[in-house]
Each structure stands twice: as structure tokens, then as C-alpha cells.
């Protein structure tokens, strides 16, 4: 039976791999979009910005931060299934 420490190490390693895979996928999608002269939308300084292939930059929308009204503690289980 694996110890709790081993399970935590495996969980951290799995999380690191997932983060790296997401970064690789994002970078690849960005390169492909640039190669196909497609605009790319990014979030920078609280705004959604569209970068065109010709180098022009256009601000699309300002994002307002919303503070959550819920206080969650470590270990809280969230249910993502709709009720009903």
C-alpha cells in the first residue's frame, strides 16, 4: 500500500505534467495561428486584446475582477453536476 507521502508526490508530478502539456499546447496553437495569419486573443493587464498577424493590437473588452462571495476551505469538495 502506497503511503500518503508517495500519493502526494505522484499527484504533484501529475499536476506538473498537466501544466507542461497545457503550456506546450498553448504555444503550439499560438505558433500555428501566427503562421496562418490568424488573429490571437490574449488577456493582458485586465483587458482582452486581439493581436493581428500584421502587428496591430486592438482592445476588445476590459475584464472586471469579481470577488467570490463563498469562503472555501482547503479540502472542500465541489460538485459540478447540475441539480435535477
N, C-alpha and C. Protein backbone atom coordinates (compact mmCIF):
# COMPACT_ATOMS: atom_id res chain seq x y z
N UNK A 1 0.84 -1.18 0.00
CA UNK A 1 0.00 0.00 0.00
C UNK A 1 0.88 1.24 0.00
N UNK A 2 0.59 2.18 -0.89
CA UNK A 2 1.41 3.39 -1.01
C UNK A 2 1.12 4.33 0.16
N UNK A 3 2.17 4.98 0.63
CA UNK A 3 1.99 5.91 1.74
C UNK A 3 1.39 7.22 1.24
N UNK A 4 0.93 8.02 2.18
CA UNK A 4 0.33 9.31 1.84
C UNK A 4 1.34 10.22 1.15
N UNK A 5 2.58 10.18 1.60
CA UNK A 5 3.63 11.00 1.01
C UNK A 5 3.86 10.61 -0.45
N UNK A 6 3.86 9.32 -0.75
CA UNK A 6 4.04 8.86 -2.12
C UNK A 6 2.89 9.32 -3.00
N UNK A 7 1.67 9.27 -2.47
CA UNK A 7 0.49 9.71 -3.23
C UNK A 7 0.57 11.20 -3.54
N UNK A 8 1.03 11.98 -2.57
CA UNK A 8 1.17 13.43 -2.78
C UNK A 8 2.22 13.72 -3.84
N UNK A 9 3.33 12.99 -3.80
CA UNK A 9 4.38 13.18 -4.80
C UNK A 9 3.87 12.84 -6.18
N UNK A 10 3.11 11.76 -6.29
CA UNK A 10 2.55 11.36 -7.58
C UNK A 10 1.56 12.41 -8.07
N UNK A 11 0.76 12.95 -7.16
CA UNK A 11 -0.22 13.97 -7.52
C UNK A 11 0.47 15.25 -8.00
N UNK A 12 1.53 15.65 -7.32
CA UNK A 12 2.29 16.84 -7.73
C UNK A 12 2.94 16.62 -9.09
N UNK A 13 3.50 15.45 -9.30
CA UNK A 13 4.14 15.15 -10.58
C UNK A 13 3.11 15.14 -11.71
N UNK A 14 1.94 14.58 -11.45
CA UNK A 14 0.88 14.57 -12.45
C UNK A 14 0.43 15.99 -12.78
N UNK A 15 0.32 16.83 -11.76
CA UNK A 15 -0.07 18.23 -11.96
C UNK A 15 0.99 18.96 -12.79
N UNK A 16 2.26 18.72 -12.50
CA UNK A 16 3.34 19.36 -13.26
C UNK A 16 3.29 18.95 -14.74
N UNK A 17 3.04 17.66 -14.97
CA UNK A 17 2.94 17.18 -16.36
C UNK A 17 1.76 17.82 -17.08
N UNK A 18 0.65 17.93 -16.39
CA UNK A 18 -0.54 18.54 -16.98
C UNK A 18 -0.30 20.01 -17.31
N UNK A 19 0.33 20.74 -16.41
CA UNK A 19 0.65 22.15 -16.66
C UNK A 19 1.58 22.28 -17.84
N UNK A 20 2.60 21.43 -17.92
CA UNK A 20 3.54 21.48 -19.04
C UNK A 20 2.85 21.15 -20.35
N UNK A 21 1.95 20.17 -20.35
CA UNK A 21 1.21 19.82 -21.57
C UNK A 21 0.34 20.99 -22.02
N UNK A 22 -0.29 21.68 -21.07
CA UNK A 22 -1.12 22.84 -21.41
C UNK A 22 -0.27 23.97 -21.98
N UNK A 23 0.90 24.19 -21.42
CA UNK A 23 1.80 25.23 -21.95
C UNK A 23 2.25 24.89 -23.37
N UNK A 24 2.60 23.64 -23.58
CA UNK A 24 3.04 23.21 -24.92
C UNK A 24 1.91 23.37 -25.94
N UNK A 25 0.70 22.97 -25.56
CA UNK A 25 -0.44 23.08 -26.46
C UNK A 25 -0.74 24.54 -26.78
N UNK A 26 -0.67 25.39 -25.78
CA UNK A 26 -0.93 26.82 -25.98
C UNK A 26 0.12 27.44 -26.90
N UNK A 27 1.37 27.13 -26.67
CA UNK A 27 2.45 27.67 -27.52
C UNK A 27 2.31 27.18 -28.95
N UNK A 28 1.94 25.93 -29.12
CA UNK A 28 1.76 25.37 -30.46
C UNK A 28 0.59 26.05 -31.18
N UNK A 29 -0.52 26.23 -30.49
CA UNK A 29 -1.69 26.90 -31.08
C UNK A 29 -1.34 28.33 -31.47
N UNK A 30 -0.56 29.02 -30.65
CA UNK A 30 -0.14 30.39 -30.95
C UNK A 30 0.72 30.42 -32.21
N UNK A 31 1.68 29.50 -32.31
CA UNK A 31 2.55 29.46 -33.49
C UNK A 31 1.76 29.15 -34.76
N UNK A 32 0.83 28.22 -34.67
CA UNK A 32 0.02 27.86 -35.84
C UNK A 32 -0.84 29.04 -36.27
N UNK A 33 -1.45 29.74 -35.31
CA UNK A 33 -2.28 30.90 -35.63
C UNK A 33 -1.45 31.99 -36.32
N UNK A 34 -0.25 32.22 -35.81
CA UNK A 34 0.63 33.23 -36.44
C UNK A 34 1.01 32.80 -37.85
N UNK A 35 1.31 31.53 -38.05
CA UNK A 35 1.70 31.03 -39.37
C UNK A 35 0.56 31.14 -40.37
N UNK A 36 -0.69 31.01 -39.90
CA UNK A 36 -1.85 31.08 -40.77
C UNK A 36 -2.41 32.50 -40.86
N UNK A 37 -1.71 33.49 -40.31
CA UNK A 37 -2.13 34.89 -40.30
C UNK A 37 -3.49 35.08 -39.64
N UNK A 38 -3.73 34.35 -38.57
CA UNK A 38 -4.98 34.48 -37.81
C UNK A 38 -4.74 35.38 -36.60
N UNK A 39 -5.74 36.17 -36.21
CA UNK A 39 -5.57 36.99 -35.01
C UNK A 39 -5.57 36.12 -33.76
N UNK A 40 -4.88 36.59 -32.74
CA UNK A 40 -4.77 35.86 -31.47
C UNK A 40 -5.28 36.76 -30.36
N UNK A 41 -6.12 36.22 -29.48
CA UNK A 41 -6.63 36.99 -28.35
C UNK A 41 -5.90 36.58 -27.09
N UNK A 42 -5.45 37.59 -26.34
CA UNK A 42 -4.74 37.35 -25.09
C UNK A 42 -5.32 38.25 -24.01
N UNK A 43 -5.10 37.88 -22.75
CA UNK A 43 -5.50 38.72 -21.63
C UNK A 43 -4.25 39.38 -21.09
N UNK A 44 -4.28 40.71 -21.02
CA UNK A 44 -3.12 41.45 -20.53
C UNK A 44 -3.62 42.66 -19.75
N UNK A 45 -3.14 42.82 -18.54
CA UNK A 45 -3.50 43.95 -17.68
C UNK A 45 -4.99 44.14 -17.56
N UNK A 46 -5.74 43.05 -17.40
CA UNK A 46 -7.17 43.13 -17.19
C UNK A 46 -7.98 43.45 -18.43
N UNK A 47 -7.40 43.26 -19.60
CA UNK A 47 -8.11 43.51 -20.85
C UNK A 47 -7.91 42.34 -21.80
N UNK A 48 -8.94 42.08 -22.62
CA UNK A 48 -8.81 41.11 -23.70
C UNK A 48 -8.30 41.89 -24.90
N UNK A 49 -7.17 41.48 -25.43
CA UNK A 49 -6.52 42.18 -26.53
C UNK A 49 -6.40 41.24 -27.72
N UNK A 50 -6.69 41.75 -28.91
CA UNK A 50 -6.55 40.95 -30.13
C UNK A 50 -5.32 41.43 -30.88
N UNK A 51 -4.40 40.51 -31.11
CA UNK A 51 -3.18 40.81 -31.86
C UNK A 51 -3.34 40.23 -33.26
N UNK A 52 -3.32 41.10 -34.25
CA UNK A 52 -3.45 40.66 -35.64
C UNK A 52 -2.11 40.23 -36.19
N UNK A 53 -2.15 39.49 -37.29
CA UNK A 53 -0.91 39.00 -37.90
C UNK A 53 -0.05 40.14 -38.42
N UNK A 54 -0.68 41.27 -38.78
CA UNK A 54 0.09 42.41 -39.31
C UNK A 54 0.74 43.23 -38.20
N UNK A 55 0.52 42.85 -36.94
CA UNK A 55 1.16 43.51 -35.81
C UNK A 55 0.27 44.51 -35.10
N UNK A 56 -0.91 44.78 -35.63
CA UNK A 56 -1.81 45.73 -34.97
C UNK A 56 -2.43 45.08 -33.73
N UNK A 57 -2.73 45.93 -32.76
CA UNK A 57 -3.29 45.47 -31.49
C UNK A 57 -4.59 46.23 -31.24
N UNK A 58 -5.64 45.48 -30.85
CA UNK A 58 -6.94 46.10 -30.61
C UNK A 58 -7.48 45.59 -29.28
N UNK A 59 -7.91 46.53 -28.42
CA UNK A 59 -8.51 46.16 -27.15
C UNK A 59 -9.97 45.79 -27.39
N UNK A 60 -10.37 44.61 -26.96
CA UNK A 60 -11.73 44.13 -27.20
C UNK A 60 -12.63 44.41 -26.00
N UNK A 61 -12.16 44.10 -24.80
CA UNK A 61 -13.01 44.23 -23.62
C UNK A 61 -12.15 44.34 -22.37
N UNK A 62 -12.65 45.11 -21.40
CA UNK A 62 -12.00 45.20 -20.10
C UNK A 62 -12.66 44.19 -19.17
N UNK A 63 -11.85 43.46 -18.45
CA UNK A 63 -12.34 42.43 -17.54
C UNK A 63 -12.34 43.00 -16.13
N UNK A 64 -13.46 42.87 -15.45
CA UNK A 64 -13.54 43.32 -14.06
C UNK A 64 -13.37 42.11 -13.14
N UNK A 65 -12.51 42.26 -12.17
CA UNK A 65 -12.32 41.19 -11.19
C UNK A 65 -13.52 41.16 -10.26
N UNK A 66 -14.00 39.96 -9.99
CA UNK A 66 -15.14 39.78 -9.09
C UNK A 66 -14.68 38.92 -7.93
N UNK A 67 -14.89 39.45 -6.74
CA UNK A 67 -14.51 38.69 -5.55
C UNK A 67 -15.62 37.70 -5.23
N UNK A 68 -15.23 36.48 -4.98
CA UNK A 68 -16.18 35.42 -4.67
C UNK A 68 -16.84 35.69 -3.32
N UNK A 69 -18.13 35.38 -3.26
CA UNK A 69 -18.86 35.54 -2.00
C UNK A 69 -18.76 34.29 -1.14
N UNK A 70 -18.16 33.25 -1.68
CA UNK A 70 -18.03 31.99 -0.95
C UNK A 70 -16.65 31.90 -0.30
N UNK A 71 -16.64 31.39 0.90
CA UNK A 71 -15.38 31.13 1.58
C UNK A 71 -15.14 29.62 1.54
N UNK A 72 -14.17 29.21 0.75
CA UNK A 72 -13.85 27.79 0.65
C UNK A 72 -12.62 27.48 1.47
N UNK A 73 -12.66 26.35 2.11
CA UNK A 73 -11.51 25.92 2.89
C UNK A 73 -10.80 24.81 2.13
N UNK A 74 -9.54 24.61 2.46
CA UNK A 74 -8.75 23.56 1.84
C UNK A 74 -9.44 22.21 2.04
N UNK A 75 -9.60 21.47 0.94
CA UNK A 75 -10.20 20.17 1.03
C UNK A 75 -11.70 20.16 0.73
N UNK A 76 -12.28 21.34 0.45
CA UNK A 76 -13.71 21.41 0.14
C UNK A 76 -13.97 20.70 -1.17
N UNK A 77 -15.00 19.89 -1.21
CA UNK A 77 -15.36 19.15 -2.43
C UNK A 77 -16.42 19.94 -3.17
N UNK A 78 -16.19 20.19 -4.45
CA UNK A 78 -17.13 20.93 -5.28
C UNK A 78 -17.87 19.95 -6.18
N UNK A 79 -19.18 20.15 -6.32
CA UNK A 79 -19.99 19.31 -7.20
C UNK A 79 -20.27 20.11 -8.45
N UNK A 80 -19.85 19.63 -9.62
CA UNK A 80 -20.01 20.34 -10.87
C UNK A 80 -21.21 19.87 -11.67
N UNK A 81 -21.95 18.90 -11.15
CA UNK A 81 -23.12 18.39 -11.86
C UNK A 81 -24.31 19.30 -11.57
N UNK A 82 -25.14 19.60 -12.59
CA UNK A 82 -26.32 20.44 -12.35
C UNK A 82 -27.34 19.71 -11.48
N UNK A 83 -28.07 20.45 -10.71
CA UNK A 83 -29.11 19.87 -9.85
C UNK A 83 -30.28 19.45 -10.71
N UNK A 84 -30.92 18.36 -10.34
CA UNK A 84 -32.16 17.98 -11.03
C UNK A 84 -32.08 16.76 -11.85
